[in-house]
Amino acid sequence: MYYQSIGTNLLQLFKAIVGDIYVLTEADDLEKYSHDETEDLVYYPQVVVKPQTTDQVSALLKLCNDNQIPVTPRGAGTGLSGGALPVNKGLLIAMERFDKIINIDEDNLQATVEPGVITEVFMDAVAEKGLLYPVDPASKGSCFIGGNVSHGSGGPRVVKYGTIREYVLNLQVVLANGDIIWTGANTLKYASGYNLTQLMIGSEGTLGVVTAIVVKLIPQPKYNALMLASFETNELACGAVSAIFKAGVIPSTLEFMERKGIEWVIKFDGLTFDLKDNIQAFLLIEVDGNNQDVILENCEQINTVLEAFDCKDVLFADTSDQKEALWKIRRTMPVSVKSNSIYKEEDTVVPRAALPQLIKGIKEIGVRYGFESVCYGHAGDGNLHINIIKGNMSDVDWNTKLKDGIREVFELTVSLGGTLSGEHGIGVVQKDYMSIKYTDIHFALWRGIKNTFDPNGILNPGKIFN
């Protein structure tokens, strides 16, 4: 695909649309938009614009489509797959001024928000009304809801409440040629033709730019209980996960954490934590609901399962401060890993009963290729984040052999019935591995969809597939 550069005339038109101060061209200003949280990838856009209205986005896209300018939509820049990086330069549309909660409809348990609203800000706003928006990725304090939609985000509560796909009812989207559509309806059921809303979720800005989001809300549970269970091996911890569900209990969260991850949180955060020598893995388990007796009964059922998997200790958090302290360990783990070494993060997902085989295989692959790994993630839905650590691996092996090791990790994942990403998306980081899971038929269908929505190929080119 051949793209044009942004000339002076086009630059002036951008300024006329959004205002001079919302068009950035200086290198120092562009630097913030040249990277996200994906390792060390850096791609500078030629120009950054910051629109505030759907009509402005429409005008910008029409100009770019008419002039063959590549466009990269961007949220908060917290992504882990390079999905918001302008690999073809061009125009980057920063959605940070779309920061309004338009409406919270308490009667219909719905809300309409702009894509630049920070996820935790929205969660707090609906919580004040006794409602719950349960999609809470680890970066909820900084990520935008629009980015969550683009990547099909989840978080710890997916295991009970589902991913963002279960909560988005309708989207306002600007198409590549500037047309503005609503993808569906503000209804809980939808059986009226192709579901464009679901197609847009997870499409990483390759099919359109989202400018408004209608989401479903649920009543806030009154009570919750939190426990931390410790095990001597990763496999025992992972094996207990599926057994908990087979026992008839659905926790609101069920997180896996490897010992090394907690060691690094202790080092990074100065955490006081009694980490016993024989413990290698932990499960952080939360149960919520409106009946304390039922919650207690569920905890007793879980404890029986844990004992069957030789759980060494179960710590119950009795106060809100203790609960917050345990959650802080899990939420601090990603940044703690980053602070210790050069790393690469992969986002695998398998049927939950396959987790013991997955983590055992990951460690065996690491031995063969000479890398360490720190694993944690949303075990309740089979989603394991694999942080591959350079450690003592030579620069040559890191830059050449490692990709073969990662390929083996994905081949193992697919062989166990899983896929390449549970919630981080594909972006530029995973796209070379997509052929492990998907066939030429899949790629042909995807390209056909892409061509229908974006025949000139201007929207976030170079992402998901070539």
Protein backbone atom coordinates (compact mmCIF):
# COMPACT_ATOMS: atom_id res chain seq x y z
CA MET A 1 0.00 0.00 0.00
CA TYR A 2 1.36 3.42 -0.98
CA TYR A 3 0.67 6.35 1.34
CA GLN A 4 1.10 10.09 0.90
CA SER A 5 2.92 12.46 3.23
CA ILE A 6 1.06 15.28 4.96
CA GLY A 7 1.81 18.53 3.14
CA THR A 8 1.40 22.16 4.20
CA ASN A 9 -2.05 22.54 2.64
CA LEU A 10 -3.41 19.48 4.43
CA LEU A 11 -1.85 20.61 7.69
CA GLN A 12 -3.70 23.90 7.43
CA LEU A 13 -6.96 22.05 6.84
CA PHE A 14 -6.37 19.97 9.98
CA LYS A 15 -5.86 23.16 11.95
CA ALA A 16 -9.05 24.64 10.53
CA ILE A 17 -10.96 21.59 11.76
CA VAL A 18 -9.64 21.25 15.34
CA GLY A 19 -7.79 24.52 16.01
CA ASP A 20 -4.09 25.33 15.81
CA ILE A 21 -3.24 24.30 19.38
CA TYR A 22 -4.63 20.81 18.82
CA VAL A 23 -2.34 20.03 15.90
CA LEU A 24 1.13 18.87 16.93
CA THR A 25 4.13 18.62 14.62
CA GLU A 26 7.22 19.24 16.79
CA ALA A 27 9.35 16.22 17.67
CA ASP A 28 9.18 16.89 21.41
CA ASP A 29 5.37 16.94 21.25
CA LEU A 30 5.20 13.83 19.06
CA GLU A 31 7.46 11.76 21.32
CA LYS A 32 4.63 10.93 23.77
CA TYR A 33 2.65 9.40 20.91
CA SER A 34 5.53 7.38 19.43
CA HIS A 35 5.31 4.54 21.97
CA ASP A 36 2.91 2.74 24.28
CA GLU A 37 3.61 0.16 27.01
CA THR A 38 4.83 -2.42 24.49
CA GLU A 39 8.46 -3.09 25.36
CA ASP A 40 10.75 -0.79 23.35
CA LEU A 41 8.81 -0.15 20.11
CA VAL A 42 8.98 3.44 18.81
CA TYR A 43 7.19 4.84 15.74
CA TYR A 44 6.74 8.60 15.30
CA PRO A 45 3.64 9.98 13.60
CA GLN A 46 4.07 12.86 11.19
CA VAL A 47 1.24 14.84 12.80
CA VAL A 48 -0.93 14.44 15.91
CA VAL A 49 -4.41 15.95 16.09
CA LYS A 50 -6.72 16.14 19.12
CA PRO A 51 -10.35 16.40 18.02
CA GLN A 52 -13.23 16.83 20.46
CA THR A 53 -16.34 16.07 18.42
CA THR A 54 -17.53 13.30 16.15
CA ASP A 55 -17.93 15.79 13.31
CA GLN A 56 -14.27 16.77 13.66
CA VAL A 57 -13.19 13.12 13.46
CA SER A 58 -15.41 12.70 10.41
CA ALA A 59 -13.83 15.68 8.64
CA LEU A 60 -10.32 14.48 9.46
CA LEU A 61 -10.95 10.97 8.16
CA LYS A 62 -12.56 12.23 4.97
CA LEU A 63 -9.50 14.35 4.23
CA CYS A 64 -7.13 11.48 4.96
CA ASN A 65 -9.15 9.04 2.89
CA ASP A 66 -9.24 11.42 -0.08
CA ASN A 67 -5.48 12.01 0.17
CA GLN A 68 -4.30 8.47 1.05
CA ILE A 69 -2.96 9.44 4.49
CA PRO A 70 -2.59 6.60 7.04
CA VAL A 71 -4.48 7.22 10.28
CA THR A 72 -3.75 5.75 13.71
CA PRO A 73 -6.43 6.18 16.42
CA ARG A 74 -4.98 6.31 19.94
CA GLY A 75 -6.39 6.20 23.44
CA ALA A 76 -4.29 6.45 26.60
CA GLY A 77 -1.29 4.61 25.19
CA THR A 78 -1.37 1.82 27.78
CA GLY A 79 -1.59 -0.97 25.19
CA LEU A 80 0.71 -4.00 25.20
CA SER A 81 0.57 -5.04 21.55
CA GLY A 82 1.61 -1.88 19.69
CA GLY A 83 -1.93 -1.41 18.40
CA ALA A 84 -1.83 2.39 18.72
CA LEU A 85 1.61 2.90 17.18
CA PRO A 86 1.80 4.78 13.84
CA VAL A 87 3.95 2.27 11.96
CA ASN A 88 3.32 4.13 8.69
CA LYS A 89 3.75 7.64 10.17
CA GLY A 90 0.85 9.73 8.85
CA LEU A 91 -1.82 11.21 11.13
CA LEU A 92 -2.37 10.08 14.71
CA ILE A 93 -5.80 10.93 16.13
CA ALA A 94 -5.48 11.28 19.91
CA MET A 95 -8.85 10.74 21.59
CA GLU A 96 -7.97 12.28 24.96
CA ARG A 97 -10.44 15.18 24.61
CA PHE A 98 -13.35 12.71 24.28
CA ASP A 99 -13.50 12.51 28.06
CA LYS A 100 -17.18 12.94 28.98
CA ILE A 101 -19.58 10.58 30.70
CA ILE A 102 -22.59 11.61 28.65
CA ASN A 103 -25.30 9.85 30.61
CA ILE A 104 -25.87 7.25 33.34
CA ASP A 105 -29.34 5.77 32.85
CA GLU A 106 -30.25 4.22 36.21
CA ASP A 107 -33.66 3.05 35.00
CA ASN A 108 -32.28 0.96 32.13
CA LEU A 109 -28.92 0.16 33.77
CA GLN A 110 -26.99 1.72 30.90
CA ALA A 111 -24.49 4.50 30.37
CA THR A 112 -23.18 6.42 27.38
CA VAL A 113 -19.56 7.49 27.50
CA GLU A 114 -16.95 8.96 25.22
CA PRO A 115 -13.90 6.80 24.41
CA GLY A 116 -11.41 9.03 26.25
CA VAL A 117 -12.98 8.42 29.67
CA ILE A 118 -10.55 6.70 32.05
CA THR A 119 -11.95 3.29 32.96
CA GLU A 120 -11.62 3.70 36.74
CA VAL A 121 -13.19 7.16 36.63
CA PHE A 122 -16.22 5.63 34.96
CA MET A 123 -16.30 2.69 37.39
CA ASP A 124 -16.27 5.08 40.32
CA ALA A 125 -19.00 7.27 38.81
CA VAL A 126 -21.42 4.36 38.41
CA ALA A 127 -20.44 2.90 41.81
CA GLU A 128 -21.68 6.12 43.43
CA LYS A 129 -25.11 5.15 42.12
CA GLY A 130 -24.87 1.58 43.43
CA LEU A 131 -23.99 0.16 40.01
CA LEU A 132 -21.11 -1.92 38.70
CA TYR A 133 -19.14 -1.75 35.47
CA PRO A 134 -17.02 -4.88 35.96
CA VAL A 135 -14.50 -4.52 33.13
CA ASP A 136 -11.37 -3.56 35.06
CA PRO A 137 -8.02 -4.21 33.35
CA ALA A 138 -4.85 -3.81 35.39
CA SER A 139 -4.31 -0.34 33.89
CA LYS A 140 -7.83 0.82 34.84
CA GLY A 141 -6.45 3.91 36.56
CA SER A 142 -5.03 5.23 33.28
CA CYS A 143 -6.47 3.33 30.31
CA PHE A 144 -9.38 4.70 28.26
CA ILE A 145 -12.66 2.86 27.68
CA GLY A 146 -12.18 3.36 23.94
CA GLY A 147 -8.93 1.43 24.07
CA ASN A 148 -10.66 -1.30 26.06
CA VAL A 149 -13.25 -1.60 23.28
CA SER A 150 -10.58 -1.67 20.57
CA HIS A 151 -8.74 -4.54 22.24
CA GLY A 152 -11.65 -6.51 23.68
CA SER A 153 -10.36 -5.98 27.20
CA GLY A 154 -11.23 -8.04 30.23
CA GLY A 155 -9.50 -8.00 33.61
CA PRO A 156 -9.91 -10.03 36.80
CA ARG A 157 -13.73 -10.10 36.88
CA VAL A 158 -14.15 -11.69 33.45
CA VAL A 159 -14.43 -15.08 35.13
CA LYS A 160 -17.86 -14.22 36.56
CA TYR A 161 -19.04 -11.19 34.64
CA GLY A 162 -17.52 -11.58 31.17
CA THR A 163 -15.35 -9.40 28.95
CA ILE A 164 -16.20 -6.00 27.55
CA ARG A 165 -18.04 -7.82 24.74
CA GLU A 166 -20.83 -8.61 27.19
CA TYR A 167 -21.25 -4.94 28.16
CA VAL A 168 -21.06 -2.91 24.95
CA LEU A 169 -24.55 -2.45 23.51
CA ASN A 170 -23.96 0.14 20.82
CA LEU A 171 -21.15 2.20 19.31
CA GLN A 172 -20.97 5.44 17.41
CA VAL A 173 -18.29 4.95 14.78
CA VAL A 174 -16.72 7.14 12.11
CA LEU A 175 -15.83 5.11 9.03
CA ALA A 176 -12.76 5.64 6.87
CA ASN A 177 -14.60 7.88 4.39
CA GLY A 178 -16.03 10.07 7.16
CA ASP A 179 -19.48 8.47 7.36
CA ILE A 180 -20.93 8.32 10.88
CA ILE A 181 -22.98 5.31 12.01
CA TRP A 182 -24.40 3.68 15.12
CA THR A 183 -23.56 0.00 14.97
CA GLY A 184 -26.56 -1.44 16.82
CA ALA A 185 -29.22 -0.52 19.37
CA ASN A 186 -29.39 0.32 23.07
CA THR A 187 -31.11 -2.99 23.78
CA LEU A 188 -30.11 -6.16 25.59
CA LYS A 189 -31.13 -8.32 22.62
CA TYR A 190 -30.02 -7.84 19.04
CA ALA A 191 -31.10 -10.05 16.15
CA SER A 192 -31.31 -7.53 13.32
CA GLY A 193 -28.75 -8.42 10.71
CA TYR A 194 -24.99 -8.64 11.11
CA ASN A 195 -23.80 -7.51 14.53
CA LEU A 196 -21.52 -4.61 13.67
CA THR A 197 -21.04 -3.76 17.34
CA GLN A 198 -19.31 -7.06 18.05
CA LEU A 199 -17.29 -6.75 14.84
CA MET A 200 -15.91 -3.40 15.97
CA ILE A 201 -14.92 -4.69 19.42
CA GLY A 202 -11.37 -5.96 19.22
CA SER A 203 -10.78 -4.56 15.73
CA GLU A 204 -8.01 -2.27 17.04
CA GLY A 205 -9.07 0.81 15.07
CA THR A 206 -8.69 -0.93 11.71
CA LEU A 207 -12.37 -0.61 10.73
CA GLY A 208 -13.42 2.74 12.17
CA VAL A 209 -12.92 5.28 14.95
CA VAL A 210 -15.24 4.92 17.93
CA THR A 211 -16.59 8.24 19.26
CA ALA A 212 -19.33 7.12 21.70
CA ILE A 213 -20.01 3.90 23.62
CA VAL A 214 -23.24 2.62 25.19
CA VAL A 215 -22.56 0.06 27.92
CA LYS A 216 -24.66 -2.19 30.12
CA LEU A 217 -24.39 -1.87 33.91
CA ILE A 218 -25.35 -4.24 36.72
CA PRO A 219 -26.22 -3.71 40.40
CA GLN A 220 -23.21 -3.51 42.71
CA PRO A 221 -22.84 -6.66 44.89
CA LYS A 222 -23.12 -5.84 48.59
CA TYR A 223 -20.46 -8.18 49.95
CA ASN A 224 -17.27 -9.94 48.97
CA ALA A 225 -14.68 -12.25 50.49
CA LEU A 226 -11.05 -12.51 49.42
CA MET A 227 -8.56 -15.29 50.06
CA LEU A 228 -4.96 -15.97 49.07
CA ALA A 229 -4.06 -19.66 48.68
CA SER A 230 -0.46 -20.91 48.46
CA PHE A 231 0.93 -24.03 46.73
CA GLU A 232 4.24 -25.83 46.36
CA THR A 233 4.04 -25.99 42.54
CA ASN A 234 2.57 -24.00 39.67
CA GLU A 235 0.82 -27.11 38.38
CA LEU A 236 -1.03 -27.73 41.65
CA ALA A 237 -2.23 -24.13 41.77
CA CYS A 238 -3.38 -24.21 38.16
CA GLY A 239 -5.00 -27.60 38.60
CA ALA A 240 -7.16 -26.28 41.44
CA VAL A 241 -8.65 -23.63 39.14
CA SER A 242 -10.82 -25.91 37.03
CA ALA A 243 -11.76 -27.99 40.09
CA ILE A 244 -13.27 -24.95 41.82
CA PHE A 245 -15.73 -24.50 38.96
CA LYS A 246 -16.47 -28.22 38.81
CA ALA A 247 -17.44 -27.94 42.50
CA GLY A 248 -20.20 -25.53 41.47
CA VAL A 249 -18.62 -22.24 42.59
CA ILE A 250 -18.10 -19.27 40.28
CA PRO A 251 -15.72 -16.79 41.93
CA SER A 252 -15.85 -13.15 40.93
CA THR A 253 -12.07 -13.28 40.43
CA LEU A 254 -9.52 -16.08 40.34
CA GLU A 255 -5.97 -14.88 39.74
CA PHE A 256 -2.73 -16.88 39.45
CA MET A 257 0.60 -15.45 40.62
CA GLU A 258 4.00 -17.08 40.45
CA ARG A 259 6.45 -16.77 43.36
CA LYS A 260 9.00 -14.79 41.33
CA GLY A 261 6.35 -12.16 40.59
CA ILE A 262 5.66 -11.63 44.29
CA GLU A 263 9.40 -11.49 45.02
CA TRP A 264 9.71 -8.68 42.51
CA VAL A 265 6.71 -6.84 43.95
CA ILE A 266 8.40 -7.03 47.37
CA LYS A 267 11.59 -5.60 45.90
CA PHE A 268 9.83 -2.93 43.85
CA ASP A 269 7.25 -1.77 46.39
CA GLY A 270 8.94 -2.50 49.74
CA LEU A 271 6.05 -4.83 50.51
CA THR A 272 6.02 -6.70 53.81
CA PHE A 273 4.97 -10.25 53.01
CA ASP A 274 5.74 -13.61 54.64
CA LEU A 275 6.95 -15.59 51.62
CA LYS A 276 7.69 -19.12 52.81
CA ASP A 277 10.55 -21.04 51.19
CA ASN A 278 8.51 -23.98 49.92
CA ILE A 279 5.80 -21.92 48.21
CA GLN A 280 5.98 -21.43 44.45
CA ALA A 281 2.53 -20.25 43.41
CA PHE A 282 -0.58 -18.45 44.65
CA LEU A 283 -4.25 -18.13 43.78
CA LEU A 284 -6.06 -14.91 44.67
CA ILE A 285 -9.74 -15.80 44.90
CA GLU A 286 -12.68 -13.46 45.43
CA VAL A 287 -16.33 -14.37 45.89
CA ASP A 288 -19.04 -11.71 45.83
CA GLY A 289 -22.81 -11.46 46.12
CA ASN A 290 -25.70 -10.12 48.18
CA ASN A 291 -25.96 -12.89 50.75
CA GLN A 292 -23.13 -13.30 53.25
CA ASP A 293 -24.18 -16.83 54.18
CA VAL A 294 -23.95 -17.94 50.55
CA ILE A 295 -20.54 -16.29 50.22
CA LEU A 296 -19.31 -18.10 53.33
CA GLU A 297 -20.63 -21.41 51.99
CA ASN A 298 -18.83 -20.78 48.67
CA CYS A 299 -15.59 -20.06 50.51
CA GLU A 300 -15.91 -23.33 52.42
CA GLN A 301 -16.47 -25.21 49.16
CA ILE A 302 -13.42 -23.54 47.62
CA ASN A 303 -11.34 -24.38 50.68
CA THR A 304 -12.27 -28.06 50.35
CA VAL A 305 -11.08 -28.01 46.72
CA LEU A 306 -7.85 -26.26 47.68
CA GLU A 307 -7.10 -28.92 50.30
CA ALA A 308 -7.50 -31.61 47.63
CA PHE A 309 -4.72 -29.91 45.66
CA ASP A 310 -2.39 -29.84 48.66
CA CYS A 311 -2.83 -26.12 49.34
CA LYS A 312 -0.39 -25.19 52.12
CA ASP A 313 -2.12 -22.12 53.50
CA VAL A 314 -5.18 -19.93 52.94
CA LEU A 315 -5.09 -16.32 54.06
CA PHE A 316 -8.51 -14.67 54.46
CA ALA A 317 -8.59 -10.88 54.17
CA ASP A 318 -10.78 -9.72 57.05
CA THR A 319 -10.78 -5.97 56.44
CA SER A 320 -10.97 -3.65 53.45
CA ASP A 321 -7.34 -2.64 54.07
CA GLN A 322 -6.22 -6.28 53.96
CA LYS A 323 -8.18 -6.81 50.75
CA GLU A 324 -6.61 -3.74 49.18
CA ALA A 325 -3.14 -4.92 50.22
CA LEU A 326 -3.65 -8.29 48.51
CA TRP A 327 -5.03 -6.69 45.36
CA LYS A 328 -2.11 -4.28 45.30
CA ILE A 329 0.26 -7.25 44.98
CA ARG A 330 -1.52 -8.44 41.85
CA ARG A 331 -1.97 -5.02 40.28
CA THR A 332 1.64 -4.00 40.98
CA MET A 333 3.08 -7.16 39.45
CA PRO A 334 3.25 -5.97 35.80
CA VAL A 335 5.17 -2.79 36.61
CA SER A 336 7.39 -4.70 39.06
CA VAL A 337 8.39 -7.13 36.33
CA LYS A 338 9.18 -4.26 33.98
CA SER A 339 11.45 -2.64 36.55
CA ASN A 340 13.70 -5.68 36.89
CA SER A 341 14.84 -6.67 33.42
CA ILE A 342 14.44 -6.41 29.69
CA TYR A 343 11.34 -8.44 28.95
CA LYS A 344 8.65 -9.41 26.47
CA GLU A 345 5.05 -10.05 27.51
CA GLU A 346 2.80 -12.55 25.80
CA ASP A 347 -0.94 -12.91 26.47
CA THR A 348 -2.01 -16.53 26.03
CA VAL A 349 -5.41 -18.04 26.77
CA VAL A 350 -6.46 -21.70 26.94
CA PRO A 351 -9.43 -23.64 28.31
CA ARG A 352 -8.90 -23.36 32.05
CA ALA A 353 -8.40 -27.13 32.58
CA ALA A 354 -5.34 -26.91 30.30
CA LEU A 355 -3.52 -24.36 32.49
CA PRO A 356 -1.28 -26.94 34.25
CA GLN A 357 -0.04 -28.22 30.88
CA LEU A 358 0.45 -24.71 29.58
CA ILE A 359 2.58 -23.45 32.45
CA LYS A 360 4.62 -26.69 32.60
CA GLY A 361 5.30 -26.41 28.87
CA ILE A 362 6.27 -22.74 29.13
CA LYS A 363 8.92 -23.55 31.73
CA GLU A 364 10.28 -26.41 29.59
CA ILE A 365 10.50 -24.14 26.53
CA GLY A 366 12.33 -21.55 28.63
CA VAL A 367 14.94 -24.13 29.66
CA ARG A 368 15.54 -25.10 26.03
CA TYR A 369 15.96 -21.51 24.86
CA GLY A 370 17.68 -20.11 27.94
CA PHE A 371 15.07 -17.59 29.10
CA GLU A 372 13.29 -17.19 32.42
CA SER A 373 9.62 -16.37 32.70
CA VAL A 374 7.32 -14.86 35.29
CA CYS A 375 3.70 -15.89 34.85
CA TYR A 376 0.53 -14.42 36.31
CA GLY A 377 -2.94 -13.73 35.08
CA HIS A 378 -6.64 -14.39 35.06
CA ALA A 379 -6.55 -18.13 35.72
CA GLY A 380 -10.31 -18.36 36.14
CA ASP A 381 -10.78 -17.78 32.42
CA GLY A 382 -7.58 -19.52 31.31
CA ASN A 383 -5.77 -16.26 30.53
CA LEU A 384 -2.06 -16.39 31.42
CA HIS A 385 0.29 -13.45 30.99
CA ILE A 386 3.80 -14.72 30.26
CA ASN A 387 6.60 -12.28 30.98
CA ILE A 388 9.73 -13.54 29.24
CA ILE A 389 12.80 -12.25 31.05
CA LYS A 390 16.12 -11.69 29.30
CA GLY A 391 18.16 -12.33 32.45
CA ASN A 392 21.44 -13.99 31.44
CA MET A 393 20.36 -14.64 27.86
CA SER A 394 22.90 -13.21 25.41
CA ASP A 395 21.97 -10.28 23.19
CA VAL A 396 22.41 -12.49 20.12
CA ASP A 397 20.06 -15.19 21.43
CA TRP A 398 17.56 -12.59 22.66
CA ASN A 399 17.42 -10.95 19.23
CA THR A 400 17.46 -14.13 17.13
CA LYS A 401 16.52 -17.36 18.94
CA LEU A 402 13.87 -15.90 21.25
CA LYS A 403 11.28 -15.52 18.49
CA ASP A 404 11.47 -19.28 17.90
CA GLY A 405 10.86 -19.86 21.60
CA ILE A 406 7.85 -17.56 21.53
CA ARG A 407 6.55 -19.41 18.48
CA GLU A 408 6.79 -22.67 20.45
CA VAL A 409 4.84 -21.08 23.30
CA PHE A 410 2.06 -20.14 20.89
CA GLU A 411 2.14 -23.54 19.20
CA LEU A 412 1.71 -25.14 22.62
CA THR A 413 -1.12 -22.75 23.44
CA VAL A 414 -2.97 -23.55 20.21
CA SER A 415 -2.39 -27.30 20.64
CA LEU A 416 -4.17 -27.02 24.01
CA GLY A 417 -7.22 -25.42 22.38
CA GLY A 418 -6.20 -21.83 23.04
CA THR A 419 -5.30 -18.74 21.05
CA LEU A 420 -2.69 -15.99 20.87
CA SER A 421 -4.30 -13.23 22.91
CA GLY A 422 -7.01 -13.12 25.54
CA GLU A 423 -7.23 -9.36 26.06
CA HIS A 424 -4.10 -7.49 24.90
CA GLY A 425 -4.87 -7.70 21.19
CA ILE A 426 -2.61 -8.55 18.24
CA GLY A 427 -1.33 -5.17 17.03
CA VAL A 428 2.15 -5.40 15.56
CA VAL A 429 3.64 -7.66 18.22
CA GLN A 430 1.68 -10.86 17.58
CA LYS A 431 0.67 -10.60 13.94
CA ASP A 432 3.58 -12.70 12.63
CA TYR A 433 2.33 -15.60 14.76
CA MET A 434 -1.30 -15.48 13.62
CA SER A 435 -0.75 -18.24 11.03
CA ILE A 436 -0.17 -20.70 13.89
CA LYS A 437 -3.86 -20.52 14.72
CA TYR A 438 -5.57 -19.21 11.61
CA THR A 439 -5.78 -20.41 8.01
CA ASP A 440 -5.69 -18.71 4.62
CA ILE A 441 -9.48 -18.77 4.71
CA HIS A 442 -9.49 -16.69 7.90
CA PHE A 443 -7.06 -14.16 6.42
CA ALA A 444 -9.11 -13.88 3.23
CA LEU A 445 -12.28 -13.21 5.22
CA TRP A 446 -10.53 -10.61 7.38
CA ARG A 447 -9.08 -8.85 4.35
CA GLY A 448 -12.51 -8.83 2.72
CA ILE A 449 -14.03 -7.20 5.83
CA LYS A 450 -11.18 -4.70 6.00
CA ASN A 451 -11.61 -3.80 2.32
CA THR A 452 -15.35 -3.25 2.77
CA PHE A 453 -14.90 -0.83 5.67
CA ASP A 454 -11.65 0.75 4.52
CA PRO A 455 -11.02 0.21 0.79
CA ASN A 456 -8.07 2.62 0.72
CA GLY A 457 -6.43 0.93 3.70
CA ILE A 458 -5.85 4.11 5.72
CA LEU A 459 -7.14 2.95 9.12
CA ASN A 460 -4.38 1.72 11.42
CA PRO A 461 -2.53 -0.14 8.69
CA GLY A 462 0.00 -2.80 9.62
CA LYS A 463 -2.01 -4.18 12.55
CA ILE A 464 -3.44 -7.68 13.17
CA PHE A 465 -2.39 -8.95 9.70
CA ASN A 466 -0.42 -7.66 6.73
